[in-house]
Amino acid sequence: MVFLTRTTRNERMPLFEDLRTFFDRDPFFGAGLEDGRAQVRETEAGLSIEVEVPGVAPDAVEVTVEDGVLVIQAAREVEVPEGHRAHRLERGSFRLSRRFRLGSKFDAEGVDARVAHGLLTIDVPKVQSSRRAIPVRAE
């Protein structure tokens, strides 16, 4: 078995692992699938969506709702300061765009979003049910 040394974690990884990370790259945004991974859970109160946004400033994250679709856009720009020369850059710039269809049972007006420690958490409440019985009369 062939092993390559990955200096970012000081551990040895098989060659196929490096090939997996190579093919997991997004050809349009340059971000790997490890950037922007999401967990979506439904609770009694609504929907909870967590998206990984490592190294992204809160003002570089945009969350909108368009026609019942929750749209998340984020960007991280990594630049070499003026007067410096980069010898190795392992954290790169990336742009992230994710979309989640909400459906009619979720309230798009009550969406709450926050970022902490590289994790974007979005809470979408459920629509309050307005079910009522309608009496049927005979004619």
Protein backbone atom coordinates (compact mmCIF):
# COMPACT_ATOMS: atom_id res chain seq x y z
CA MET A 1 0.00 0.00 0.00
CA VAL A 2 1.29 3.46 -0.91
CA PHE A 3 1.19 6.20 1.72
CA LEU A 4 1.60 9.92 1.28
CA THR A 5 2.46 12.24 4.11
CA ARG A 6 0.00 15.05 4.63
CA THR A 7 1.76 17.81 6.51
CA THR A 8 -1.39 19.58 7.67
CA ARG A 9 -2.18 16.93 10.25
CA ASN A 10 1.13 15.11 10.78
CA GLU A 11 -0.40 11.76 9.98
CA ARG A 12 -0.04 9.28 7.17
CA MET A 13 -2.90 8.85 4.73
CA PRO A 14 -3.37 6.27 1.98
CA LEU A 15 -3.09 7.48 -1.60
CA PHE A 16 -6.78 6.86 -2.30
CA GLU A 17 -7.69 9.36 0.43
CA ASP A 18 -5.74 12.08 -1.37
CA LEU A 19 -7.43 11.12 -4.63
CA ARG A 20 -10.84 11.31 -2.93
CA THR A 21 -10.15 14.85 -1.73
CA PHE A 22 -8.90 15.78 -5.22
CA PHE A 23 -12.13 14.61 -6.89
CA ASP A 24 -14.30 16.18 -4.17
CA ARG A 25 -13.28 19.64 -5.36
CA ASP A 26 -16.04 21.82 -6.75
CA PRO A 27 -14.99 22.84 -10.28
CA PHE A 28 -17.08 26.03 -10.23
CA PHE A 29 -16.20 27.56 -6.88
CA GLY A 30 -12.93 25.83 -6.02
CA ALA A 31 -14.30 24.70 -2.65
CA GLY A 32 -14.11 21.14 -1.54
CA LEU A 33 -17.17 19.31 -0.33
CA GLU A 34 -15.79 19.72 3.18
CA ASP A 35 -16.65 23.42 2.88
CA GLY A 36 -20.36 23.98 3.39
CA ARG A 37 -21.38 20.58 4.65
CA ALA A 38 -24.87 20.76 6.08
CA GLN A 39 -27.09 19.05 8.62
CA VAL A 40 -30.84 19.56 8.34
CA ARG A 41 -33.10 18.47 11.20
CA GLU A 42 -36.81 18.93 11.73
CA THR A 43 -38.07 19.49 15.27
CA GLU A 44 -41.55 20.15 16.62
CA ALA A 45 -40.84 23.89 16.46
CA GLY A 46 -39.45 23.95 12.92
CA LEU A 47 -36.38 23.29 10.85
CA SER A 48 -32.79 23.59 12.06
CA ILE A 49 -30.07 23.88 9.41
CA GLU A 50 -26.36 23.90 10.29
CA VAL A 51 -23.79 24.67 7.59
CA GLU A 52 -20.02 24.64 8.04
CA VAL A 53 -18.46 27.97 7.02
CA PRO A 54 -14.89 27.75 8.34
CA GLY A 55 -12.97 31.01 8.45
CA VAL A 56 -15.85 33.05 7.03
CA ALA A 57 -16.61 36.40 8.66
CA PRO A 58 -20.26 36.88 9.68
CA ASP A 59 -20.62 39.85 7.32
CA ALA A 60 -19.53 37.61 4.40
CA VAL A 61 -22.54 35.31 4.88
CA GLU A 62 -25.85 36.07 3.17
CA VAL A 63 -29.08 34.18 3.89
CA THR A 64 -32.18 34.91 1.84
CA VAL A 65 -35.52 33.28 1.04
CA GLU A 66 -36.63 33.38 -2.59
CA ASP A 67 -39.92 31.77 -3.63
CA GLY A 68 -39.85 29.24 -0.79
CA VAL A 69 -36.16 28.41 -1.26
CA LEU A 70 -33.62 29.23 1.45
CA VAL A 71 -30.43 30.47 -0.22
CA ILE A 72 -27.10 30.58 1.62
CA GLN A 73 -24.12 32.36 0.09
CA ALA A 74 -20.76 32.84 1.76
CA ALA A 75 -17.24 33.73 0.72
CA ARG A 76 -13.78 33.56 2.24
CA GLU A 77 -10.93 35.50 0.68
CA VAL A 78 -7.38 34.58 1.64
CA GLU A 79 -4.75 37.06 0.54
CA VAL A 80 -1.04 37.33 1.12
CA PRO A 81 -0.28 40.64 2.88
CA GLU A 82 1.71 43.18 0.91
CA GLY A 83 5.42 42.79 1.42
CA HIS A 84 5.09 39.07 2.21
CA ARG A 85 5.77 36.10 -0.03
CA ALA A 86 3.74 32.94 0.40
CA HIS A 87 5.70 29.73 0.77
CA ARG A 88 2.69 27.52 1.39
CA LEU A 89 -1.03 28.28 1.30
CA GLU A 90 -3.22 25.43 2.57
CA ARG A 91 -6.29 27.53 3.31
CA GLY A 92 -7.70 28.97 0.14
CA SER A 93 -10.41 31.36 -0.87
CA PHE A 94 -13.80 29.90 -1.68
CA ARG A 95 -17.36 30.81 -2.51
CA LEU A 96 -20.23 28.77 -1.18
CA SER A 97 -23.81 28.63 -2.41
CA ARG A 98 -26.40 26.23 -0.97
CA ARG A 99 -30.16 26.03 -1.55
CA PHE A 100 -32.84 24.33 0.53
CA ARG A 101 -36.51 24.14 -0.52
CA LEU A 102 -38.60 24.95 2.54
CA GLY A 103 -42.08 23.74 1.66
CA SER A 104 -45.40 25.18 2.72
CA LYS A 105 -45.31 24.11 6.36
CA PHE A 106 -42.39 26.44 7.21
CA ASP A 107 -42.61 30.19 7.88
CA ALA A 108 -40.16 32.04 5.60
CA GLU A 109 -40.77 35.31 7.47
CA GLY A 110 -39.52 33.96 10.82
CA VAL A 111 -36.07 32.74 9.70
CA ASP A 112 -33.26 33.36 12.20
CA ALA A 113 -29.56 32.94 11.31
CA ARG A 114 -26.35 33.19 13.35
CA VAL A 115 -22.68 32.28 12.95
CA ALA A 116 -20.45 31.01 15.76
CA HIS A 117 -17.12 29.18 15.58
CA GLY A 118 -17.38 28.51 11.83
CA LEU A 119 -20.90 27.08 12.03
CA LEU A 120 -23.90 28.84 10.48
CA THR A 121 -27.12 27.90 12.27
CA ILE A 122 -30.46 28.74 10.68
CA ASP A 123 -33.79 28.19 12.44
CA VAL A 124 -36.96 28.16 10.34
CA PRO A 125 -40.18 27.99 12.40
CA LYS A 126 -43.20 26.00 11.30
CA VAL A 127 -46.33 27.81 10.17
CA GLN A 128 -48.94 27.93 12.90
CA SER A 129 -51.78 25.68 11.94
CA SER A 130 -55.04 27.51 11.38
CA ARG A 131 -57.19 24.43 11.17
CA ARG A 132 -60.77 24.81 12.29
CA ALA A 133 -63.90 22.78 11.96
CA ILE A 134 -66.47 24.09 9.51
CA PRO A 135 -70.06 23.17 10.26
CA VAL A 136 -71.98 21.61 7.38
CA ARG A 137 -75.65 22.53 7.18
CA ALA A 138 -78.38 20.71 5.40
CA GLU A 139 -80.57 22.46 2.85
